[in-house]
């Protein structure tokens, strides 16, 4: 079941299973970074991308949260929150 996850950099992220991605979005749950499939992944609203756990952790370790990206991040996050009933 989709859930909002917290991180130490303040990014808005939703953990979503591959099954939910297929049933709600028609997506195959393929990581936007490494192109592998994963049972669970992380939707990163500021990037509008879904990552496997390894790629998400790698991205998060070097990501910088820029205030000027908040409007896009909030728009994407609210859209997916509604889509997944969060």
N, C-alpha and C. Protein backbone atom coordinates (compact mmCIF):
# COMPACT_ATOMS: atom_id res chain seq x y z
N UNK A 1 0.84 -1.17 0.00
CA UNK A 1 0.00 0.00 0.00
C UNK A 1 0.89 1.24 0.00
N UNK A 2 0.53 2.21 -0.83
CA UNK A 2 1.32 3.44 -0.95
C UNK A 2 1.34 4.17 0.39
N UNK A 3 2.50 4.77 0.66
CA UNK A 3 2.62 5.56 1.89
C UNK A 3 3.65 6.67 1.68
N UNK A 4 3.44 7.74 2.40
CA UNK A 4 4.36 8.86 2.36
C UNK A 4 5.56 8.51 3.24
N UNK A 5 6.75 8.75 2.71
CA UNK A 5 7.96 8.47 3.49
C UNK A 5 8.71 9.77 3.74
N UNK A 6 9.31 9.84 4.89
CA UNK A 6 10.08 11.02 5.27
C UNK A 6 11.55 10.78 4.98
N UNK A 7 12.25 11.86 4.76
CA UNK A 7 13.69 11.77 4.56
C UNK A 7 14.35 12.97 5.20
N UNK A 8 15.63 12.89 5.41
CA UNK A 8 16.33 13.94 6.15
C UNK A 8 16.57 15.23 5.36
N UNK A 9 16.16 15.25 4.09
CA UNK A 9 16.36 16.45 3.28
C UNK A 9 15.06 17.18 2.96
N UNK A 10 13.94 16.64 3.42
CA UNK A 10 12.66 17.31 3.26
C UNK A 10 11.99 17.15 1.90
N UNK A 11 12.44 16.20 1.10
CA UNK A 11 11.78 15.94 -0.18
C UNK A 11 10.45 15.22 0.05
N UNK A 12 9.49 15.47 -0.82
CA UNK A 12 8.20 14.80 -0.76
C UNK A 12 8.28 13.53 -1.59
N UNK A 13 8.12 12.39 -0.90
CA UNK A 13 8.34 11.09 -1.51
C UNK A 13 7.21 10.15 -1.10
N UNK A 14 6.77 9.33 -2.04
CA UNK A 14 5.75 8.31 -1.77
C UNK A 14 6.33 6.96 -2.14
N UNK A 15 6.27 6.02 -1.21
CA UNK A 15 6.66 4.64 -1.51
C UNK A 15 5.47 3.96 -2.15
N UNK A 16 5.67 3.39 -3.33
CA UNK A 16 4.58 2.78 -4.10
C UNK A 16 5.05 1.42 -4.61
N UNK A 17 4.21 0.42 -4.47
CA UNK A 17 4.56 -0.91 -4.97
C UNK A 17 4.39 -0.98 -6.48
N UNK A 18 5.08 -1.91 -7.08
CA UNK A 18 4.96 -2.13 -8.53
C UNK A 18 3.54 -2.49 -8.90
N UNK A 19 2.87 -3.28 -8.07
CA UNK A 19 1.48 -3.68 -8.34
C UNK A 19 0.56 -2.45 -8.38
N UNK A 20 0.77 -1.52 -7.45
CA UNK A 20 -0.03 -0.29 -7.45
C UNK A 20 0.27 0.56 -8.68
N UNK A 21 1.52 0.59 -9.08
CA UNK A 21 1.89 1.35 -10.27
C UNK A 21 1.17 0.81 -11.50
N UNK A 22 1.11 -0.51 -11.63
CA UNK A 22 0.45 -1.13 -12.77
C UNK A 22 -1.05 -0.88 -12.72
N UNK A 23 -1.66 -1.09 -11.56
CA UNK A 23 -3.12 -0.99 -11.47
C UNK A 23 -3.63 0.44 -11.55
N UNK A 24 -2.90 1.41 -11.04
CA UNK A 24 -3.39 2.79 -11.02
C UNK A 24 -2.85 3.65 -12.15
N UNK A 25 -1.66 3.34 -12.62
CA UNK A 25 -1.04 4.20 -13.63
C UNK A 25 -0.81 3.50 -14.97
N UNK A 26 -0.88 2.18 -14.96
CA UNK A 26 -0.55 1.46 -16.18
C UNK A 26 0.95 1.39 -16.42
N UNK A 27 1.71 1.75 -15.40
CA UNK A 27 3.17 1.73 -15.48
C UNK A 27 3.67 0.35 -15.06
N UNK A 28 4.78 -0.07 -15.57
CA UNK A 28 5.31 -1.39 -15.24
C UNK A 28 6.23 -1.40 -14.03
N UNK A 29 6.40 -0.28 -13.36
CA UNK A 29 7.24 -0.24 -12.19
C UNK A 29 8.70 -0.44 -12.52
N UNK A 30 9.16 0.29 -13.51
CA UNK A 30 10.56 0.22 -13.93
C UNK A 30 11.26 1.46 -13.40
N UNK A 31 12.38 1.26 -12.74
CA UNK A 31 13.14 2.36 -12.16
C UNK A 31 13.56 3.34 -13.24
N UNK A 32 13.32 4.63 -12.99
CA UNK A 32 13.68 5.67 -13.95
C UNK A 32 15.18 5.94 -13.98
N UNK A 33 15.95 5.28 -13.13
CA UNK A 33 17.39 5.48 -13.13
C UNK A 33 18.12 4.28 -13.75
N UNK A 34 17.86 3.08 -13.23
CA UNK A 34 18.61 1.90 -13.67
C UNK A 34 17.84 1.00 -14.63
N UNK A 35 16.56 1.28 -14.83
CA UNK A 35 15.69 0.51 -15.74
C UNK A 35 15.41 -0.92 -15.29
N UNK A 36 15.62 -1.20 -14.02
CA UNK A 36 15.26 -2.52 -13.48
C UNK A 36 13.89 -2.42 -12.83
N UNK A 37 13.24 -3.58 -12.65
CA UNK A 37 11.98 -3.60 -11.93
C UNK A 37 12.25 -3.86 -10.46
N UNK A 38 11.32 -3.44 -9.63
CA UNK A 38 11.43 -3.65 -8.19
C UNK A 38 10.03 -3.86 -7.64
N UNK A 39 9.92 -4.65 -6.58
CA UNK A 39 8.61 -4.88 -5.97
C UNK A 39 8.06 -3.59 -5.38
N UNK A 40 8.93 -2.76 -4.82
CA UNK A 40 8.55 -1.47 -4.25
C UNK A 40 9.53 -0.42 -4.74
N UNK A 41 9.02 0.80 -4.85
CA UNK A 41 9.87 1.89 -5.28
C UNK A 41 9.43 3.19 -4.65
N UNK A 42 10.10 4.26 -5.02
CA UNK A 42 9.89 5.57 -4.41
C UNK A 42 9.61 6.61 -5.49
N UNK A 43 8.43 7.22 -5.39
CA UNK A 43 8.09 8.30 -6.30
C UNK A 43 8.62 9.59 -5.69
N UNK A 44 9.50 10.26 -6.42
CA UNK A 44 10.11 11.51 -5.97
C UNK A 44 9.41 12.64 -6.71
N UNK A 45 8.58 13.39 -5.99
CA UNK A 45 7.73 14.40 -6.62
C UNK A 45 8.51 15.50 -7.31
N UNK A 46 9.60 15.95 -6.73
CA UNK A 46 10.35 17.06 -7.33
C UNK A 46 10.93 16.67 -8.69
N UNK A 47 11.20 15.39 -8.90
CA UNK A 47 11.73 14.91 -10.17
C UNK A 47 10.66 14.29 -11.06
N UNK A 48 9.50 13.96 -10.47
CA UNK A 48 8.43 13.24 -11.16
C UNK A 48 8.97 11.92 -11.71
N UNK A 49 9.70 11.20 -10.81
CA UNK A 49 10.32 9.92 -11.20
C UNK A 49 10.09 8.88 -10.11
N UNK A 50 10.14 7.61 -10.53
CA UNK A 50 9.99 6.47 -9.62
C UNK A 50 11.29 5.69 -9.64
N UNK A 51 11.88 5.48 -8.44
CA UNK A 51 13.17 4.81 -8.31
C UNK A 51 13.05 3.52 -7.50
N UNK A 52 13.89 2.54 -7.82
CA UNK A 52 14.05 1.37 -6.95
C UNK A 52 14.74 1.87 -5.67
N UNK A 53 14.79 1.03 -4.66
CA UNK A 53 15.36 1.44 -3.37
C UNK A 53 16.82 1.86 -3.50
N UNK A 54 17.60 1.11 -4.25
CA UNK A 54 19.03 1.42 -4.38
C UNK A 54 19.24 2.76 -5.06
N UNK A 55 18.52 3.00 -6.14
CA UNK A 55 18.69 4.26 -6.87
C UNK A 55 18.14 5.44 -6.07
N UNK A 56 17.05 5.21 -5.34
CA UNK A 56 16.51 6.27 -4.48
C UNK A 56 17.54 6.66 -3.43
N UNK A 57 18.12 5.68 -2.74
CA UNK A 57 19.12 5.98 -1.71
C UNK A 57 20.34 6.67 -2.29
N UNK A 58 20.76 6.25 -3.48
CA UNK A 58 21.90 6.89 -4.14
C UNK A 58 21.57 8.34 -4.48
N UNK A 59 20.38 8.57 -5.07
CA UNK A 59 19.97 9.93 -5.41
C UNK A 59 19.88 10.80 -4.15
N UNK A 60 19.23 10.27 -3.11
CA UNK A 60 19.02 11.05 -1.88
C UNK A 60 20.35 11.45 -1.23
N UNK A 61 21.35 10.60 -1.33
CA UNK A 61 22.64 10.89 -0.70
C UNK A 61 23.32 12.12 -1.31
N UNK A 62 23.01 12.44 -2.56
CA UNK A 62 23.67 13.57 -3.20
C UNK A 62 22.72 14.70 -3.61
N UNK A 63 21.42 14.53 -3.37
CA UNK A 63 20.43 15.52 -3.80
C UNK A 63 20.47 16.78 -2.92
N UNK A 64 20.13 17.88 -3.54
CA UNK A 64 20.03 19.17 -2.84
C UNK A 64 18.60 19.66 -3.02
N UNK A 65 17.97 20.06 -1.93
CA UNK A 65 16.59 20.52 -1.97
C UNK A 65 16.57 22.04 -2.18
N UNK A 66 16.23 22.45 -3.39
CA UNK A 66 16.21 23.87 -3.74
C UNK A 66 14.82 24.45 -3.54
N UNK A 67 14.71 25.58 -2.82
CA UNK A 67 13.40 26.20 -2.56
C UNK A 67 12.64 26.56 -3.84
N UNK A 68 13.33 26.92 -4.90
CA UNK A 68 12.65 27.30 -6.13
C UNK A 68 11.93 26.14 -6.81
N UNK A 69 12.18 24.91 -6.38
CA UNK A 69 11.52 23.73 -6.95
C UNK A 69 10.22 23.37 -6.22
N UNK A 70 9.90 24.05 -5.14
CA UNK A 70 8.76 23.67 -4.30
C UNK A 70 7.42 23.67 -5.01
N UNK A 71 7.17 24.63 -5.88
CA UNK A 71 5.87 24.71 -6.57
C UNK A 71 5.63 23.46 -7.42
N UNK A 72 6.64 23.05 -8.16
CA UNK A 72 6.51 21.85 -9.00
C UNK A 72 6.39 20.61 -8.12
N UNK A 73 7.22 20.53 -7.09
CA UNK A 73 7.18 19.40 -6.17
C UNK A 73 5.80 19.27 -5.53
N UNK A 74 5.26 20.37 -5.04
CA UNK A 74 3.94 20.33 -4.39
C UNK A 74 2.85 19.92 -5.36
N UNK A 75 2.88 20.45 -6.58
CA UNK A 75 1.87 20.09 -7.59
C UNK A 75 1.91 18.58 -7.88
N UNK A 76 3.09 18.05 -8.13
CA UNK A 76 3.22 16.62 -8.42
C UNK A 76 2.81 15.77 -7.22
N UNK A 77 3.23 16.17 -6.04
CA UNK A 77 2.94 15.42 -4.82
C UNK A 77 1.44 15.36 -4.56
N UNK A 78 0.75 16.48 -4.68
CA UNK A 78 -0.70 16.51 -4.44
C UNK A 78 -1.44 15.64 -5.45
N UNK A 79 -1.02 15.66 -6.69
CA UNK A 79 -1.64 14.84 -7.72
C UNK A 79 -1.53 13.35 -7.38
N UNK A 80 -0.33 12.90 -7.02
CA UNK A 80 -0.13 11.49 -6.72
C UNK A 80 -0.73 11.09 -5.37
N UNK A 81 -0.79 12.01 -4.43
CA UNK A 81 -1.48 11.72 -3.17
C UNK A 81 -2.93 11.39 -3.43
N UNK A 82 -3.59 12.15 -4.28
CA UNK A 82 -4.99 11.89 -4.61
C UNK A 82 -5.12 10.57 -5.36
N UNK A 83 -4.25 10.34 -6.30
CA UNK A 83 -4.32 9.13 -7.12
C UNK A 83 -4.20 7.85 -6.28
N UNK A 84 -3.38 7.92 -5.22
CA UNK A 84 -3.16 6.75 -4.38
C UNK A 84 -3.91 6.81 -3.06
N UNK A 85 -4.81 7.77 -2.92
CA UNK A 85 -5.66 7.85 -1.73
C UNK A 85 -4.92 8.15 -0.44
N UNK A 86 -3.95 9.02 -0.51
CA UNK A 86 -3.16 9.36 0.69
C UNK A 86 -3.60 10.69 1.27
